[in-house]
Protein backbone atom coordinates (compact mmCIF):
# COMPACT_ATOMS: atom_id res chain seq x y z
CA MET A 1 70.12 55.17 149.14
CA LYS A 2 72.07 54.10 146.06
CA LYS A 3 69.71 56.15 143.90
CA ASN A 4 70.33 59.29 145.94
CA TYR A 5 74.08 58.70 145.81
CA PHE A 6 73.92 58.40 141.99
CA TYR A 7 72.08 61.73 141.70
CA PHE A 8 74.59 63.35 144.04
CA VAL A 9 77.53 62.14 141.93
CA MET A 10 75.83 63.37 138.74
CA LEU A 11 75.21 66.76 140.33
CA LEU A 12 78.87 67.10 141.28
CA ALA A 13 79.91 66.08 137.75
CA GLY A 14 77.58 68.70 136.26
CA ILE A 15 78.95 71.40 138.53
CA ALA A 16 82.52 70.45 137.58
CA LEU A 17 81.63 70.54 133.87
CA LEU A 18 80.03 73.97 134.14
CA ALA A 19 83.06 75.27 136.02
CA ALA A 20 85.35 74.00 133.27
CA ILE A 21 83.39 75.72 130.49
CA LYS A 22 84.66 79.22 129.92
CA PRO A 23 82.00 81.82 129.16
CA VAL A 24 81.91 82.91 125.52
CA GLU A 25 83.05 86.49 125.25
CA PRO A 26 80.96 88.71 122.97
CA LEU A 27 82.58 89.84 119.74
CA PRO A 28 83.81 93.45 119.66
CA TYR A 29 81.96 96.32 117.97
CA GLY A 30 78.66 94.45 117.97
CA LEU A 31 79.87 91.99 115.33
CA ALA A 32 78.38 88.54 114.89
CA LEU A 33 79.61 85.40 113.15
CA GLY A 34 78.09 84.66 109.77
CA THR A 35 78.39 85.12 106.02
CA PRO A 36 77.61 88.67 104.84
CA ASP A 37 75.45 88.91 101.72
CA ILE A 38 77.80 91.22 99.80
CA LYS A 39 76.53 91.83 96.27
CA SER A 40 79.23 94.26 95.10
CA ILE A 41 82.32 96.00 96.42
CA SER A 42 82.22 99.66 95.45
CA ALA A 43 84.65 101.03 98.04
CA LEU A 44 86.99 99.91 100.84
CA SER A 45 88.33 101.66 103.92
CA PHE A 46 89.90 100.54 107.19
CA GLY A 47 88.82 101.57 110.65
CA LYS A 48 90.39 100.53 113.95
CA ASP A 49 91.70 97.12 114.99
CA GLY A 50 91.73 95.62 111.50
CA ILE A 51 88.06 96.34 110.82
CA LEU A 52 87.50 96.66 107.07
CA PHE A 53 84.51 98.62 105.83
CA ILE A 54 83.03 97.47 102.52
CA GLY A 55 80.68 99.76 100.63
CA ASP A 56 78.17 97.78 98.57
CA SER A 57 76.21 99.96 96.12
CA LYS A 58 74.17 97.07 94.74
CA ALA A 59 72.89 96.17 98.19
CA ALA A 60 72.91 99.85 99.28
CA SER A 61 74.70 98.78 102.46
CA VAL A 62 77.97 99.13 104.34
CA PHE A 63 79.57 96.06 105.91
CA ALA A 64 82.14 95.96 108.71
CA ILE A 65 84.39 92.89 108.56
CA ASP A 66 86.89 91.80 111.20
CA THR A 67 89.92 90.81 109.09
CA LYS A 68 91.77 89.40 112.13
CA ASP A 69 94.70 91.39 110.74
CA ALA A 70 95.49 93.71 113.64
CA LYS A 71 99.17 93.01 114.34
CA ILE A 72 101.15 96.24 114.11
CA ASN A 73 103.89 96.27 111.50
CA ALA A 74 106.11 99.29 112.04
CA ALA A 75 108.10 98.81 108.83
CA ALA A 76 106.04 98.38 105.69
CA ALA A 77 107.45 96.13 102.97
CA MET A 78 107.82 97.75 99.56
CA VAL A 79 105.35 96.03 97.24
CA ASN A 80 105.98 95.81 93.51
CA ILE A 81 104.00 93.35 91.39
CA SER A 82 104.02 93.42 87.60
CA ASP A 83 100.92 92.28 85.69
CA ILE A 84 98.88 92.32 88.87
CA ASP A 85 95.59 92.05 86.99
CA GLN A 86 96.76 88.79 85.48
CA LYS A 87 97.89 87.49 88.89
CA ILE A 88 94.57 88.49 90.49
CA ALA A 89 92.68 86.67 87.77
CA ALA A 90 94.85 83.58 88.27
CA ALA A 91 94.17 83.66 92.02
CA LEU A 92 90.45 83.69 91.24
CA GLY A 93 90.70 81.01 88.56
CA THR A 94 89.75 83.22 85.62
CA GLN A 95 91.23 85.51 82.92
CA LYS A 96 92.18 89.16 83.39
CA GLU A 97 89.59 90.20 80.81
CA ASN A 98 86.92 88.94 83.22
CA ILE A 99 87.79 91.17 86.19
CA THR A 100 87.63 94.83 87.16
CA ILE A 101 89.65 96.20 90.08
CA THR A 102 87.19 98.39 91.99
CA ASP A 103 89.24 99.59 94.99
CA MET A 104 92.34 99.09 97.11
CA ALA A 105 92.92 99.83 100.80
CA VAL A 106 95.99 99.50 103.01
CA ASN A 107 95.51 98.20 106.54
CA PRO A 108 97.21 100.95 108.60
CA LEU A 109 98.24 98.42 111.28
CA SER A 110 99.67 95.51 109.31
CA LYS A 111 100.46 97.57 106.15
CA LYS A 112 98.93 94.76 104.07
CA LEU A 113 97.01 95.59 100.91
CA TYR A 114 93.41 94.56 100.26
CA ILE A 115 92.09 94.70 96.70
CA ALA A 116 88.43 94.54 95.65
CA VAL A 117 87.50 92.95 92.34
CA GLN A 118 84.28 92.61 90.39
CA SER A 119 84.01 89.65 88.00
CA SER A 120 82.24 89.89 84.66
CA ASP A 121 79.45 87.67 86.03
CA GLY A 122 78.77 90.34 88.66
CA SER A 123 80.25 88.53 91.66
CA PRO A 124 82.62 90.44 93.95
CA ALA A 125 85.87 89.17 95.44
CA LEU A 126 88.38 90.43 97.99
CA LEU A 127 92.10 89.64 97.89
CA LYS A 128 95.01 90.30 100.22
CA VAL A 129 98.57 91.05 99.13
CA GLU A 130 101.34 89.59 101.28
CA GLY A 131 104.80 90.22 99.86
CA ASP A 132 104.54 89.25 96.22
CA LYS A 133 101.69 86.80 96.85
CA LEU A 134 97.97 87.27 96.29
CA ALA A 135 95.33 85.28 98.13
CA ALA A 136 91.55 85.39 98.06
CA VAL A 137 90.02 86.53 101.36
CA SER A 138 87.15 84.30 102.42
CA LEU A 139 84.02 86.17 103.49
CA LYS A 140 82.34 83.05 104.83
CA ASP A 141 81.84 82.56 108.56
CA VAL A 142 83.43 85.87 109.53
CA ALA A 143 82.71 88.37 112.28
CA PHE A 144 80.73 91.18 110.68
CA SER A 145 77.93 93.69 110.97
CA SER A 146 76.10 95.77 108.40
CA VAL A 147 73.88 98.78 107.95
CA ALA A 148 71.43 99.45 105.12
CA LEU A 149 71.58 102.99 103.73
CA ASN A 150 68.50 105.17 103.99
CA ASP A 151 66.96 106.82 100.91
CA ALA A 152 68.79 104.70 98.35
CA TYR A 153 67.63 104.60 94.74
CA ALA A 154 65.61 101.55 93.72
CA GLU A 155 67.58 98.88 91.90
CA ASP A 156 65.82 99.65 88.61
CA ALA A 157 66.06 103.47 88.84
CA LYS A 158 67.77 105.18 85.89
CA ASP A 159 68.90 108.70 85.07
CA GLY A 160 67.86 110.72 82.02
CA ARG A 161 70.36 108.86 79.86
CA GLY A 162 69.12 105.45 80.93
CA ARG A 163 72.06 104.74 83.21
CA PRO A 164 71.39 102.89 86.50
CA LEU A 165 71.47 105.20 89.51
CA ARG A 166 71.91 102.48 92.16
CA VAL A 167 75.58 102.00 91.18
CA SER A 168 76.33 105.52 92.50
CA THR A 169 74.80 104.90 95.93
CA ILE A 170 78.37 104.59 97.26
CA SER A 171 81.17 106.36 95.41
CA ASP A 172 83.73 106.45 98.24
CA LEU A 173 83.97 105.90 101.96
CA GLY A 174 86.30 106.64 104.84
CA PHE A 175 86.52 106.36 108.62
CA ASN A 176 86.88 109.51 110.72
CA GLU A 177 86.42 110.13 114.45
CA GLY A 178 84.37 106.98 115.05
CA LYS A 179 82.12 107.42 112.02
CA VAL A 180 81.98 105.87 108.57
CA LEU A 181 81.65 108.65 105.99
CA VAL A 182 79.91 107.56 102.78
CA SER A 183 79.66 109.70 99.65
CA GLY A 184 77.27 108.96 96.80
CA LEU A 185 73.68 109.53 95.73
CA SER A 186 70.35 109.37 97.54
CA ASN A 187 66.86 109.42 96.06
CA LYS A 188 66.20 112.92 97.38
CA GLU A 189 65.79 116.02 95.19
CA PHE A 190 69.33 117.15 96.02
CA SER A 191 70.77 113.68 95.52
CA SER A 192 74.48 114.31 96.09
CA THR A 193 74.84 113.08 99.65
CA LEU A 194 77.32 112.51 102.44
CA ARG A 195 76.18 109.95 105.00
CA SER A 196 77.76 109.78 108.45
CA ILE A 197 77.24 106.46 110.25
CA PRO A 198 78.48 105.89 113.81
CA PHE A 199 80.39 102.66 114.37
CA PRO A 200 79.54 100.23 115.98
CA PHE A 201 76.47 100.26 113.76
CA THR A 202 73.03 100.99 115.20
CA ASP A 203 69.90 102.27 113.50
CA LYS A 204 71.36 105.79 113.66
CA GLN A 205 72.33 107.30 110.33
CA GLU A 206 72.94 110.95 109.46
CA GLN A 207 73.04 112.51 106.02
CA ALA A 208 73.53 115.93 104.47
CA SER A 209 72.90 116.97 100.86
CA LEU A 210 75.71 118.70 99.01
CA GLU A 211 75.99 121.50 96.49
CA MET A 212 79.04 122.85 94.71
CA TYR A 213 79.90 125.16 91.83
CA HIS A 214 81.34 123.20 88.91
CA ALA A 215 83.53 125.73 87.15
CA SER A 216 84.17 123.75 83.97
CA HIS A 217 80.39 123.24 83.59
CA GLY A 218 79.58 126.79 84.65
CA ARG A 219 76.79 125.88 87.08
CA PHE A 220 75.90 124.85 90.61
CA GLU A 221 75.29 121.09 90.92
CA THR A 222 73.41 119.00 93.47
CA THR A 223 73.05 115.69 91.63
CA SER A 224 76.68 114.81 90.87
CA PRO A 225 78.24 112.39 93.38
CA ILE A 226 81.62 112.98 94.96
CA ARG A 227 84.05 110.63 93.22
CA THR A 228 86.75 110.57 95.90
CA PHE A 229 87.38 112.34 99.19
CA THR A 230 89.57 112.56 102.24
CA THR A 231 89.50 114.58 105.44
CA GLY A 232 92.06 117.13 106.54
CA LYS A 233 92.73 120.21 108.62
CA ILE A 234 93.11 123.55 106.83
CA ASN A 235 93.70 126.77 108.75
CA GLY A 236 92.91 124.86 111.95
CA LYS A 237 89.49 123.68 110.72
CA ASP A 238 88.45 120.13 109.77
CA TYR A 239 87.22 119.67 106.21
CA LEU A 240 85.90 117.06 103.87
CA ILE A 241 88.13 117.51 100.80
CA ALA A 242 86.32 116.18 97.75
CA SER A 243 86.63 115.95 94.00
CA TYR A 244 84.14 115.26 91.25
CA THR A 245 84.20 114.27 87.59
CA CYS A 246 85.77 116.98 85.41
CA THR A 247 87.60 117.88 88.12
CA PRO A 248 86.59 120.48 90.74
CA LEU A 249 88.27 120.39 94.15
CA VAL A 250 85.75 121.30 96.86
CA LEU A 251 85.94 121.91 100.61
CA TYR A 252 83.07 121.14 103.00
CA PRO A 253 83.46 122.06 106.71
CA LEU A 254 82.89 118.85 108.66
CA ASP A 255 81.10 120.68 111.47
CA GLU A 256 78.46 121.90 108.98
CA LEU A 257 77.63 118.43 107.63
CA LYS A 258 74.84 117.86 110.13
CA PRO A 259 71.75 115.64 109.78
CA GLY A 260 69.22 117.02 107.33
CA THR A 261 71.31 120.01 106.28
CA HIS A 262 72.03 121.22 102.76
CA VAL A 263 75.64 122.38 102.55
CA LYS A 264 77.29 124.45 99.83
CA GLY A 265 80.94 123.59 99.37
CA ARG A 266 83.70 125.99 98.49
CA THR A 267 85.26 125.22 95.10
CA VAL A 268 88.93 126.03 95.54
CA ALA A 269 90.24 124.65 92.24
CA GLU A 270 89.14 123.58 88.80
CA MET A 271 91.68 120.95 87.77
CA GLY A 272 90.48 120.32 84.23
CA ALA A 273 87.62 118.75 82.28
CA GLY A 274 87.60 115.37 80.57
CA ASN A 275 88.90 113.56 83.63
CA THR A 276 87.64 111.46 86.53
CA PRO A 277 89.50 111.52 89.87
CA ILE A 278 90.10 107.99 91.21
CA ASP A 279 91.64 108.24 94.67
CA MET A 280 93.06 110.94 96.91
CA THR A 281 95.14 110.84 100.05
CA THR A 282 97.27 113.14 102.18
CA ILE A 283 101.03 112.61 102.42
CA THR A 284 104.09 114.39 103.72
CA LYS A 285 106.46 115.33 100.92
CA ASN A 286 109.72 117.19 101.52
CA GLY A 287 108.40 118.36 104.87
CA GLU A 288 105.08 119.69 103.55
CA THR A 289 101.54 118.33 103.87
CA VAL A 290 100.39 117.50 100.36
CA LEU A 291 97.14 116.28 98.84
CA ILE A 292 97.70 113.84 95.96
CA MET A 293 95.01 112.60 93.60
CA GLY A 294 95.07 109.86 90.96
CA ASN A 295 93.27 110.58 87.68
CA THR A 296 92.02 108.71 84.63
CA ALA A 297 93.09 111.21 81.97
CA ARG A 298 96.25 112.83 83.33
CA GLY A 299 99.06 112.31 85.77
CA VAL A 300 98.71 112.36 89.55
CA SER A 301 97.81 115.85 90.77
CA GLU A 302 99.42 117.30 93.87
CA VAL A 303 98.62 120.44 95.82
CA THR A 304 100.00 121.54 99.17
CA TYR A 305 97.69 122.22 102.07
CA LYS A 306 99.50 125.54 102.45
CA THR A 307 98.41 126.53 98.94
CA ILE A 308 94.82 125.48 99.59
CA ALA A 309 94.79 127.47 102.83
CA ALA A 310 96.06 130.57 101.02
CA PHE A 311 93.13 130.50 98.58
CA GLU A 312 90.34 132.08 100.62
CA GLY A 313 87.80 132.59 97.86
CA THR A 314 85.60 130.27 95.83
CA LEU A 315 85.12 129.79 92.11
CA THR A 316 81.77 131.12 90.90
CA GLU A 317 82.30 131.65 87.16
CA LYS A 318 82.74 129.27 84.27
CA VAL A 319 86.34 128.61 83.26
CA ALA A 320 88.08 126.88 80.40
CA GLY A 321 91.08 124.87 81.52
CA THR A 322 92.18 125.26 85.14
CA ALA A 323 91.61 127.91 87.79
CA GLY A 324 91.80 128.58 91.53
CA THR A 325 94.40 126.94 93.75
CA THR A 326 97.61 126.17 91.87
CA PHE A 327 98.65 122.54 91.64
CA ASN A 328 101.22 120.31 89.93
CA VAL A 329 100.72 117.28 87.71
CA ILE A 330 103.18 114.38 87.84
CA PRO A 331 103.39 113.35 84.16
CA THR A 332 105.08 110.00 84.83
CA LEU A 333 102.17 108.70 86.93
CA THR A 334 99.34 108.47 84.42
CA LYS A 335 96.48 105.97 84.02
CA VAL A 336 96.14 105.44 87.75
CA MET A 337 93.51 102.85 88.64
CA GLN A 338 93.86 102.78 92.46
CA MET A 339 96.04 104.51 95.04
CA ASP A 340 96.50 104.54 98.82
CA LYS A 341 98.99 105.54 101.48
CA LEU A 342 101.25 102.64 102.51
CA ASP A 343 103.02 104.38 105.42
CA LYS A 344 104.21 107.88 106.28
CA ASP A 345 106.84 107.84 103.55
CA HIS A 346 105.30 105.77 100.72
CA VAL A 347 102.20 105.31 98.60
CA VAL A 348 101.09 102.28 96.60
CA ILE A 349 99.66 102.74 93.12
CA ILE A 350 97.95 100.43 90.64
CA ARG A 351 98.26 101.82 87.12
CA LYS A 352 98.57 100.86 83.49
CA ASN A 353 102.10 101.26 82.22
CA GLU A 354 103.21 102.35 78.75
CA THR A 355 102.68 98.85 77.34
CA GLY A 356 99.15 98.56 78.71
CA ALA A 357 100.09 96.09 81.44
CA VAL A 358 98.72 96.75 84.94
CA ASP A 359 101.35 97.06 87.69
CA LEU A 360 101.31 97.61 91.43
CA THR A 361 104.20 99.80 92.55
CA THR A 362 105.42 101.45 95.73
CA GLN A 363 106.49 105.08 95.37
CA ALA A 364 108.47 107.13 97.89
CA ASN A 365 106.66 110.38 98.72
CA ASN A 366 109.73 112.52 98.14
CA ALA A 367 110.31 110.91 94.75
CA LEU A 368 106.85 111.69 93.40
């Protein structure tokens, strides 16, 4: 009798314990806790709810990281940090000569800046800017998911000049209409590629090969990767707006970038040789929708969407200098290293100043 009573008491205690334990809710977007094996950070872009996408060319993968940074900040703080490369290096316990800033992205919810860095030993790092402070973002024991890119070059593949091809697997990425868009190279014959990957990640992955006329080179090209892109609506139609080294501006209709297709873009401007575009974004300036693009060899370029829409043709002949859609160059904003939109009225720019120091500044759109 006492034995039965003991078992009865234990059963009641077990039932009470189970009732007290709350069921573990699954993580959103198919994420799981762990430490992502990120080998490089080639590109950054934010999706919804503080999800940060990290493009890793070395691993030929895209990672989705929950930053836990989803609180909406309606008023962005103006960020201005002198010698930011030195401060980043200090935050990582090294010297500025040992780091390369590879990308910067603004969280559209919190308006906080995230900066990707590659150390000279090859290891990547991610930092967050809060006010005038920099802090390393831990990528250990985080909620994440990843997808390996199809048709990536082998790690030891090289081009005709002996340069590694794997580093161009991911040249830029963005998030649009529930999909991660990834520009770069594949190992296919027409290697310039745009991949479209639904998020949450599954085994589904779409890709289209790209072709464009490079006016300063005087030829059609299918093996040059897009260097930077954005998406936008022109004449009521959605486009991928892209730029390449030396610096053609090309439009690709998004509805034509379907799985397995080969798409010819429309080259609407040749913006000058001897230059690499770094970042582009769309802003509102003095009431107009404007595309701005940071460059390595000249000031920030700006062109209105209205001007792009008015140019209905495409460049098909070699040119010296510039041609096509007219654009302006902002001569005071040279040597741009990274750029992104902070809010509807401001952009943040990392650039080398006249003394060679690297500064992070906030610029009002109307003052550009």
